[in-house]
Amino acid sequence: MKLQVERDVLAEAVTWAVRGLSPRPPVPVLSGVLLEATQDGLTLSAFDYEVSAKVTVAASVDEPGTVLVPGKLLGDISRSFKNKPVTLTADGNKVEVVCGTSRFALPQMPVADYPTLPTSPEPSGTIAGDVFTSAVSQVAIAADRSDTLPILTGVRMEIEGEKVTLLATDRYRLAMREFTWQPAATDASYVALIPARTLHDTARALGASGSVNLALGTAAGGEGLVGFEAGQRQTTTRLLDGEYPKVTSIFPTSVDTSAVIKTSELAEAVKRVSLVAERNTPVRLRFSEEQLVIEAGQGDDAQASEAVEATLTGPDIEIAFNPQFLLDGLGAVGTDFVRLSFTQPSRPAVMSGQAEQDGEADESFRYVLMPVRFAN
């Protein structure tokens, strides 16, 4: 194998391909990136039995061939090069990587031992790239980050026709986003549980594209997979097994009190007041007709309070939340104003976006927060 490729093109492609590789893989070859040089260009692939990634880039190929080299190391090397063309040459049991006067020799790993990448299911439809990125980032924040209940580390994707619903929860908050897509079949119907971390990384990497092709189904090997493709980038991930809990029942069926606040002002105030909140202690929110008072700390501990303007509909209410969970929701809502809806201080509250102070709430994204008990 011998080829030449632009430095930025190589660095970006390697970073994409190896982004999900474990630093301590179960078998050594899974730390590698597979380089396949053909007359069509250079294809880079990585696979760890859970997530696969594949990308094809333009390259001037003198001698076609296939090699397997340490993936993270090739990425670090390519990013360190000056902005000059990079030459890769297979020579014996090494691969020479040359850029200007910089020269590296990487060990070749056994290609025969490398697993075959899974075949993505047939395309199911297309999602606008910006919508895909925004929706996933809004929902993935609520997925569980521990392995106590592995099923809660996923994002549930439900598709019915043109409607897509993403849902995630860690039992303390719940995020749901609804949007439309272009299905390949008008009667499309799918339910998939996708690992949240993988989905979030994929959305960030592919979202800059104009559109993302989504493939849901069963691969030739019989495994449940979801595949994403944008431009020359392709990735698949194995779906999580299990029945997701029916958590949508926690959405309140009625609203007694609602408040509209400027999102940035509320977020900044919560950040300042929560500086005195000890670990695992809440911030208290006291809503009255024209303002919201945010408080933290009590007794002999440090204390803080701050008031922000709020438009209240309904009776006054006092409620407390985990400050980080509250800030996560405010960061995800994506509108100038936020609407908080309540029933009782002991019941879940719902956060939704609102473009204008006196406008209609946008309920395509809803974020449910469980309240925290606090001492009077």
Protein backbone atom coordinates (compact mmCIF):
# COMPACT_ATOMS: atom_id res chain seq x y z
CA MET A 1 0.00 0.00 0.00
CA LYS A 2 1.22 3.49 -0.87
CA LEU A 3 -0.83 6.69 -0.94
CA GLN A 4 -0.79 10.41 -0.30
CA VAL A 5 -3.54 12.32 1.52
CA GLU A 6 -3.98 15.86 2.80
CA ARG A 7 -3.06 16.25 6.49
CA ASP A 8 -6.38 17.82 7.57
CA VAL A 9 -8.37 15.21 5.67
CA LEU A 10 -6.47 12.35 7.31
CA ALA A 11 -6.62 13.82 10.81
CA GLU A 12 -10.37 14.43 10.62
CA ALA A 13 -11.08 10.98 9.20
CA VAL A 14 -9.01 9.13 11.82
CA THR A 15 -10.60 11.15 14.63
CA TRP A 16 -14.07 10.22 13.35
CA ALA A 17 -13.27 6.54 12.92
CA VAL A 18 -11.59 5.91 16.29
CA ARG A 19 -13.67 8.26 18.46
CA GLY A 20 -15.42 5.39 20.24
CA LEU A 21 -12.54 2.97 20.67
CA SER A 22 -11.79 1.83 24.21
CA PRO A 23 -8.32 2.61 25.61
CA ARG A 24 -8.35 -0.95 26.99
CA PRO A 25 -10.07 -3.14 24.38
CA PRO A 26 -10.82 -6.82 25.14
CA VAL A 27 -8.55 -7.90 22.28
CA PRO A 28 -5.59 -5.87 20.94
CA VAL A 29 -6.76 -5.69 17.31
CA LEU A 30 -9.83 -3.72 18.39
CA SER A 31 -7.56 -0.77 19.15
CA GLY A 32 -6.68 -0.56 15.47
CA VAL A 33 -8.01 1.41 12.54
CA LEU A 34 -8.32 -0.46 9.24
CA LEU A 35 -6.93 1.43 6.25
CA GLU A 36 -8.12 0.25 2.81
CA ALA A 37 -6.57 2.02 -0.18
CA THR A 38 -8.31 1.64 -3.56
CA GLN A 39 -8.60 3.69 -6.71
CA ASP A 40 -11.71 5.28 -5.12
CA GLY A 41 -9.67 6.70 -2.23
CA LEU A 42 -8.82 5.75 1.35
CA THR A 43 -11.42 4.08 3.59
CA LEU A 44 -10.86 4.06 7.36
CA SER A 45 -12.84 1.69 9.60
CA ALA A 46 -13.03 0.93 13.31
CA PHE A 47 -15.14 -1.57 15.26
CA ASP A 48 -15.35 -2.72 18.89
CA TYR A 49 -18.23 -5.24 18.54
CA GLU A 50 -20.68 -2.56 19.74
CA VAL A 51 -20.03 0.51 17.57
CA SER A 52 -18.62 0.62 14.05
CA ALA A 53 -17.45 3.67 12.10
CA LYS A 54 -16.43 3.98 8.48
CA VAL A 55 -15.38 6.95 6.34
CA THR A 56 -13.97 7.30 2.82
CA VAL A 57 -11.77 10.26 1.87
CA ALA A 58 -9.99 11.43 -1.25
CA ALA A 59 -6.42 10.18 -1.62
CA SER A 60 -3.87 9.70 -4.36
CA VAL A 61 -3.30 5.94 -4.33
CA ASP A 62 -0.17 4.56 -6.01
CA GLU A 63 -0.42 1.03 -4.62
CA PRO A 64 -3.77 -0.32 -3.34
CA GLY A 65 -3.72 -2.38 -0.16
CA THR A 66 -5.09 -2.95 3.33
CA VAL A 67 -3.32 -2.47 6.66
CA LEU A 68 -4.32 -2.31 10.32
CA VAL A 69 -2.48 0.15 12.58
CA PRO A 70 -2.99 1.51 16.14
CA GLY A 71 -5.92 3.91 15.79
CA LYS A 72 -5.41 6.40 18.61
CA LEU A 73 -1.71 6.68 17.83
CA LEU A 74 -2.34 7.40 14.14
CA GLY A 75 -4.86 10.06 15.18
CA ASP A 76 -2.42 11.74 17.57
CA ILE A 77 0.34 11.67 14.95
CA SER A 78 -1.79 13.04 12.10
CA ARG A 79 -3.08 15.92 14.25
CA SER A 80 0.48 16.84 15.25
CA PHE A 81 1.72 17.22 11.67
CA LYS A 82 2.26 20.53 9.92
CA ASN A 83 -0.22 21.35 7.18
CA LYS A 84 1.48 19.37 4.42
CA PRO A 85 0.51 16.23 2.46
CA VAL A 86 0.96 12.93 4.31
CA THR A 87 2.36 9.80 2.68
CA LEU A 88 1.53 6.34 4.01
CA THR A 89 3.55 3.37 2.82
CA ALA A 90 3.36 -0.27 3.91
CA ASP A 91 6.90 -1.60 4.26
CA GLY A 92 7.31 -5.07 5.70
CA ASN A 93 5.66 -5.25 9.11
CA LYS A 94 5.56 -1.45 9.48
CA VAL A 95 3.61 1.42 7.97
CA GLU A 96 5.66 4.55 7.33
CA VAL A 97 3.83 7.84 7.89
CA VAL A 98 5.71 10.80 6.46
CA CYS A 99 4.81 14.51 6.48
CA GLY A 100 7.51 16.97 5.45
CA THR A 101 10.57 16.07 7.49
CA SER A 102 8.50 14.18 10.11
CA ARG A 103 8.69 10.41 9.79
CA PHE A 104 6.96 7.71 11.86
CA ALA A 105 6.93 3.93 11.55
CA LEU A 106 3.82 2.25 12.98
CA PRO A 107 3.58 -1.50 13.62
CA GLN A 108 1.15 -3.43 11.45
CA MET A 109 -1.48 -5.41 13.31
CA PRO A 110 -2.85 -8.72 11.91
CA VAL A 111 -5.61 -7.85 9.41
CA ALA A 112 -6.81 -11.46 9.39
CA ASP A 113 -7.75 -11.21 13.08
CA TYR A 114 -9.85 -8.08 12.61
CA PRO A 115 -13.62 -8.65 12.85
CA THR A 116 -15.91 -7.99 9.89
CA LEU A 117 -17.83 -4.76 10.27
CA PRO A 118 -21.62 -5.19 10.55
CA THR A 119 -23.78 -4.35 7.55
CA SER A 120 -26.14 -1.50 8.25
CA PRO A 121 -29.88 -2.20 7.82
CA GLU A 122 -31.69 -0.73 4.82
CA PRO A 123 -32.25 3.05 5.05
CA SER A 124 -35.44 3.95 6.92
CA GLY A 125 -35.54 7.69 6.27
CA THR A 126 -33.80 11.05 6.50
CA ILE A 127 -33.51 13.65 9.29
CA ALA A 128 -32.32 17.24 8.84
CA GLY A 129 -28.83 17.46 10.35
CA ASP A 130 -29.50 20.49 12.56
CA VAL A 131 -32.75 19.00 13.89
CA PHE A 132 -31.01 15.69 14.63
CA THR A 133 -28.19 17.35 16.58
CA SER A 134 -30.48 19.66 18.54
CA ALA A 135 -33.01 16.95 19.45
CA VAL A 136 -30.41 14.45 20.63
CA SER A 137 -28.55 17.03 22.75
CA GLN A 138 -31.81 18.08 24.41
CA VAL A 139 -32.77 14.52 25.37
CA ALA A 140 -29.45 12.77 26.05
CA ILE A 141 -28.76 14.97 29.12
CA ALA A 142 -31.48 13.09 31.01
CA ALA A 143 -30.11 9.59 30.35
CA ASP A 144 -28.59 7.71 33.30
CA ARG A 145 -24.79 7.88 33.43
CA SER A 146 -24.36 4.92 35.80
CA ASP A 147 -24.69 1.22 35.07
CA THR A 148 -27.14 0.56 37.90
CA LEU A 149 -29.98 0.19 35.38
CA PRO A 150 -28.32 -0.24 31.95
CA ILE A 151 -31.62 0.24 30.15
CA LEU A 152 -31.80 3.83 31.42
CA THR A 153 -28.44 4.65 29.77
CA GLY A 154 -30.28 4.67 26.44
CA VAL A 155 -32.45 7.07 24.48
CA ARG A 156 -35.75 5.58 23.40
CA MET A 157 -36.59 6.42 19.79
CA GLU A 158 -40.15 5.84 18.65
CA ILE A 159 -41.19 6.44 15.05
CA GLU A 160 -44.73 6.51 13.71
CA GLY A 161 -44.98 7.73 10.13
CA GLU A 162 -43.43 11.21 9.93
CA LYS A 163 -43.27 11.69 13.71
CA VAL A 164 -40.14 10.90 15.76
CA THR A 165 -40.15 10.93 19.58
CA LEU A 166 -36.95 10.78 21.62
CA LEU A 167 -37.19 10.02 25.35
CA ALA A 168 -34.64 9.60 28.17
CA THR A 169 -34.75 9.49 31.96
CA ASP A 170 -32.51 8.73 34.93
CA ARG A 171 -35.52 8.53 37.32
CA TYR A 172 -34.91 12.07 38.63
CA ARG A 173 -35.71 13.95 35.42
CA LEU A 174 -37.15 13.10 32.02
CA ALA A 175 -36.59 14.73 28.65
CA MET A 176 -38.77 14.27 25.57
CA ARG A 177 -38.42 15.81 22.12
CA GLU A 178 -40.76 15.39 19.15
CA PHE A 179 -39.93 16.30 15.56
CA THR A 180 -40.67 15.22 12.00
CA TRP A 181 -38.50 13.40 9.48
CA GLN A 182 -38.80 12.01 5.94
CA PRO A 183 -39.50 8.26 6.20
CA ALA A 184 -38.81 5.91 3.32
CA ALA A 185 -42.30 4.44 3.87
CA THR A 186 -45.33 6.45 4.99
CA ASP A 187 -46.36 3.67 7.41
CA ALA A 188 -42.93 3.55 9.08
CA SER A 189 -43.13 2.21 12.65
CA TYR A 190 -40.05 1.57 14.82
CA VAL A 191 -39.06 1.50 18.46
CA ALA A 192 -35.35 1.42 19.31
CA LEU A 193 -33.29 1.93 22.46
CA ILE A 194 -29.98 3.54 21.47
CA PRO A 195 -27.03 4.00 23.87
CA ALA A 196 -27.21 7.69 24.80
CA ARG A 197 -23.47 8.40 24.77
CA THR A 198 -23.01 6.88 21.32
CA LEU A 199 -26.06 8.67 19.95
CA HIS A 200 -24.87 12.02 21.34
CA ASP A 201 -21.36 11.61 19.90
CA THR A 202 -22.80 10.59 16.53
CA ALA A 203 -25.20 13.52 16.41
CA ARG A 204 -22.41 16.01 17.17
CA ALA A 205 -20.18 14.49 14.48
CA LEU A 206 -22.82 14.21 11.74
CA GLY A 207 -25.09 17.14 12.52
CA ALA A 208 -23.11 19.65 10.48
CA SER A 209 -24.20 17.75 7.36
CA GLY A 210 -27.30 18.82 5.51
CA SER A 211 -29.12 15.60 6.33
CA VAL A 212 -28.57 12.31 8.15
CA ASN A 213 -29.81 8.97 6.82
CA LEU A 214 -31.18 6.69 9.53
CA ALA A 215 -31.40 2.91 9.21
CA LEU A 216 -33.31 0.87 11.77
CA GLY A 217 -33.79 -2.86 11.67
CA THR A 218 -31.92 -6.13 11.82
CA ALA A 219 -28.58 -6.69 10.13
CA ALA A 220 -27.71 -9.82 8.19
CA GLY A 221 -26.26 -11.33 11.37
CA GLY A 222 -29.59 -11.02 13.17
CA GLU A 223 -28.55 -8.30 15.61
CA GLY A 224 -30.68 -5.24 16.25
CA LEU A 225 -28.74 -2.29 14.89
CA VAL A 226 -29.20 1.37 14.12
CA GLY A 227 -27.15 2.93 11.37
CA PHE A 228 -26.41 6.58 10.58
CA GLU A 229 -24.90 7.96 7.39
CA ALA A 230 -24.02 11.48 6.28
CA GLY A 231 -21.82 12.18 3.30
CA GLN A 232 -18.98 9.66 3.33
CA ARG A 233 -19.37 8.87 7.03
CA GLN A 234 -21.19 5.79 8.26
CA THR A 235 -21.66 4.38 11.74
CA THR A 236 -23.66 1.60 13.37
CA THR A 237 -24.34 0.72 16.98
CA ARG A 238 -25.97 -2.25 18.63
CA LEU A 239 -29.30 -1.47 20.29
CA LEU A 240 -29.91 -2.02 24.00
CA ASP A 241 -32.15 -4.92 25.00
CA GLY A 242 -35.07 -4.68 27.39
CA GLU A 243 -38.44 -3.05 27.91
CA TYR A 244 -38.18 0.66 28.61
CA PRO A 245 -40.36 1.76 31.56
CA LYS A 246 -43.59 3.60 30.72
CA VAL A 247 -42.34 6.87 32.19
CA THR A 248 -44.54 9.20 30.16
CA SER A 249 -47.23 8.63 32.78
CA ILE A 250 -45.41 11.09 35.07
CA PHE A 251 -46.36 14.02 32.80
CA PRO A 252 -48.96 16.00 34.77
CA THR A 253 -52.46 15.90 33.31
CA SER A 254 -53.30 19.38 34.65
CA VAL A 255 -51.53 22.63 35.55
CA ASP A 256 -52.33 24.77 38.60
CA THR A 257 -49.50 27.31 38.32
CA SER A 258 -47.24 28.34 35.45
CA ALA A 259 -44.40 30.86 35.32
CA VAL A 260 -42.58 32.42 32.38
CA ILE A 261 -39.01 33.64 32.97
CA LYS A 262 -36.19 34.82 30.72
CA THR A 263 -34.04 31.71 30.27
CA SER A 264 -30.61 33.35 30.48
CA GLU A 265 -31.51 35.38 33.60
CA LEU A 266 -32.82 32.32 35.42
CA ALA A 267 -29.80 30.20 34.48
CA GLU A 268 -27.32 32.85 35.62
CA ALA A 269 -29.17 33.37 38.91
CA VAL A 270 -29.31 29.63 39.64
CA LYS A 271 -25.57 29.31 38.93
CA ARG A 272 -24.75 32.10 41.39
CA VAL A 273 -27.08 30.99 44.16
CA SER A 274 -26.07 27.32 43.88
CA LEU A 275 -22.48 28.25 44.74
CA VAL A 276 -23.47 27.93 48.41
CA ALA A 277 -25.51 24.75 47.94
CA GLU A 278 -23.74 21.83 49.55
CA ARG A 279 -23.45 18.58 47.63
CA ASN A 280 -26.86 16.97 47.04
CA THR A 281 -28.74 19.94 48.52
CA PRO A 282 -31.37 21.75 46.46
CA VAL A 283 -32.07 25.32 45.47
CA ARG A 284 -35.48 26.64 46.55
CA LEU A 285 -37.71 28.54 44.15
CA ARG A 286 -40.41 30.83 45.60
CA PHE A 287 -42.83 32.05 42.92
CA SER A 288 -45.09 35.05 43.48
CA GLU A 289 -47.08 37.29 41.15
CA GLU A 290 -44.22 39.28 39.62
CA GLN A 291 -41.01 37.60 40.68
CA LEU A 292 -39.17 34.41 41.47
CA VAL A 293 -36.81 34.28 44.47
CA ILE A 294 -34.09 31.62 44.31
CA GLU A 295 -32.49 30.56 47.61
CA ALA A 296 -29.88 28.10 48.80
CA GLY A 297 -28.26 27.29 52.13
CA GLN A 298 -29.76 27.38 55.60
CA GLY A 299 -28.93 27.49 59.30
CA ASP A 300 -25.27 28.15 60.10
CA ASP A 301 -24.18 27.32 56.54
CA ALA A 302 -23.52 29.89 53.81
CA GLN A 303 -26.71 31.26 52.30
CA ALA A 304 -27.64 33.07 49.08
CA SER A 305 -30.75 34.46 47.42
CA GLU A 306 -31.55 36.30 44.21
CA ALA A 307 -34.76 37.55 42.60
CA VAL A 308 -35.61 37.54 38.89
CA GLU A 309 -38.68 38.84 37.07
CA ALA A 310 -41.36 36.22 36.43
CA THR A 311 -44.88 36.24 34.99
CA LEU A 312 -47.02 33.96 37.14
CA THR A 313 -50.39 32.45 36.31
CA GLY A 314 -52.12 30.73 39.21
CA PRO A 315 -51.44 30.59 42.97
CA ASP A 316 -47.99 31.20 44.51
CA ILE A 317 -45.85 28.12 44.88
CA GLU A 318 -42.59 27.14 46.60
CA ILE A 319 -40.60 24.19 45.25
CA ALA A 320 -37.01 22.89 45.30
CA PHE A 321 -34.83 21.20 42.66
CA ASN A 322 -31.39 19.73 42.22
CA PRO A 323 -29.54 22.79 40.84
CA GLN A 324 -27.56 20.88 38.20
CA PHE A 325 -30.65 19.13 36.86
CA LEU A 326 -32.40 22.50 36.70
CA LEU A 327 -29.45 24.04 34.82
CA ASP A 328 -29.32 21.10 32.40
CA GLY A 329 -32.92 21.74 31.44
CA LEU A 330 -32.40 25.48 31.05
CA GLY A 331 -29.39 24.80 28.82
CA ALA A 332 -31.38 22.43 26.63
CA VAL A 333 -34.60 24.42 26.19
CA GLY A 334 -33.12 26.57 23.41
CA THR A 335 -35.54 29.54 23.59
CA ASP A 336 -35.34 33.06 25.01
CA PHE A 337 -38.00 32.32 27.61
CA VAL A 338 -38.82 29.21 29.61
CA ARG A 339 -42.19 28.13 30.95
CA LEU A 340 -42.35 26.16 34.20
CA SER A 341 -45.63 24.40 34.93
CA PHE A 342 -46.63 23.04 38.36
CA THR A 343 -49.41 21.19 40.15
CA GLN A 344 -48.12 20.77 43.72
CA PRO A 345 -44.69 21.27 45.36
CA SER A 346 -44.43 17.50 45.78
CA ARG A 347 -45.30 16.67 42.16
CA PRO A 348 -43.10 16.80 39.03
CA ALA A 349 -42.71 20.12 37.27
CA VAL A 350 -42.57 20.52 33.48
CA MET A 351 -40.19 22.85 31.65
CA SER A 352 -40.85 23.89 28.05
CA GLY A 353 -39.58 26.58 25.71
CA GLN A 354 -41.24 29.83 24.72
CA ALA A 355 -39.96 32.25 22.09
CA GLU A 356 -41.63 35.38 23.55
CA GLN A 357 -42.71 36.33 27.04
CA ASP A 358 -46.41 36.44 26.13
CA GLY A 359 -46.26 33.81 23.39
CA GLU A 360 -47.34 30.19 23.23
CA ALA A 361 -45.25 27.46 24.83
CA ASP A 362 -43.35 25.20 22.42
CA GLU A 363 -44.04 21.71 23.72
CA SER A 364 -42.01 19.87 21.10
CA PHE A 365 -39.42 19.66 23.91
CA ARG A 366 -40.50 18.94 27.47
CA TYR A 367 -38.25 18.43 30.45
CA VAL A 368 -39.73 16.98 33.63
CA LEU A 369 -38.03 17.64 36.98
CA MET A 370 -38.71 15.71 40.16
CA PRO A 371 -38.84 18.08 43.15
CA VAL A 372 -36.54 17.69 46.16
CA ARG A 373 -37.82 17.86 49.73
CA PHE A 374 -36.30 20.65 51.80
CA ALA A 375 -36.41 21.74 55.42
CA ASN A 376 -38.50 24.81 56.18
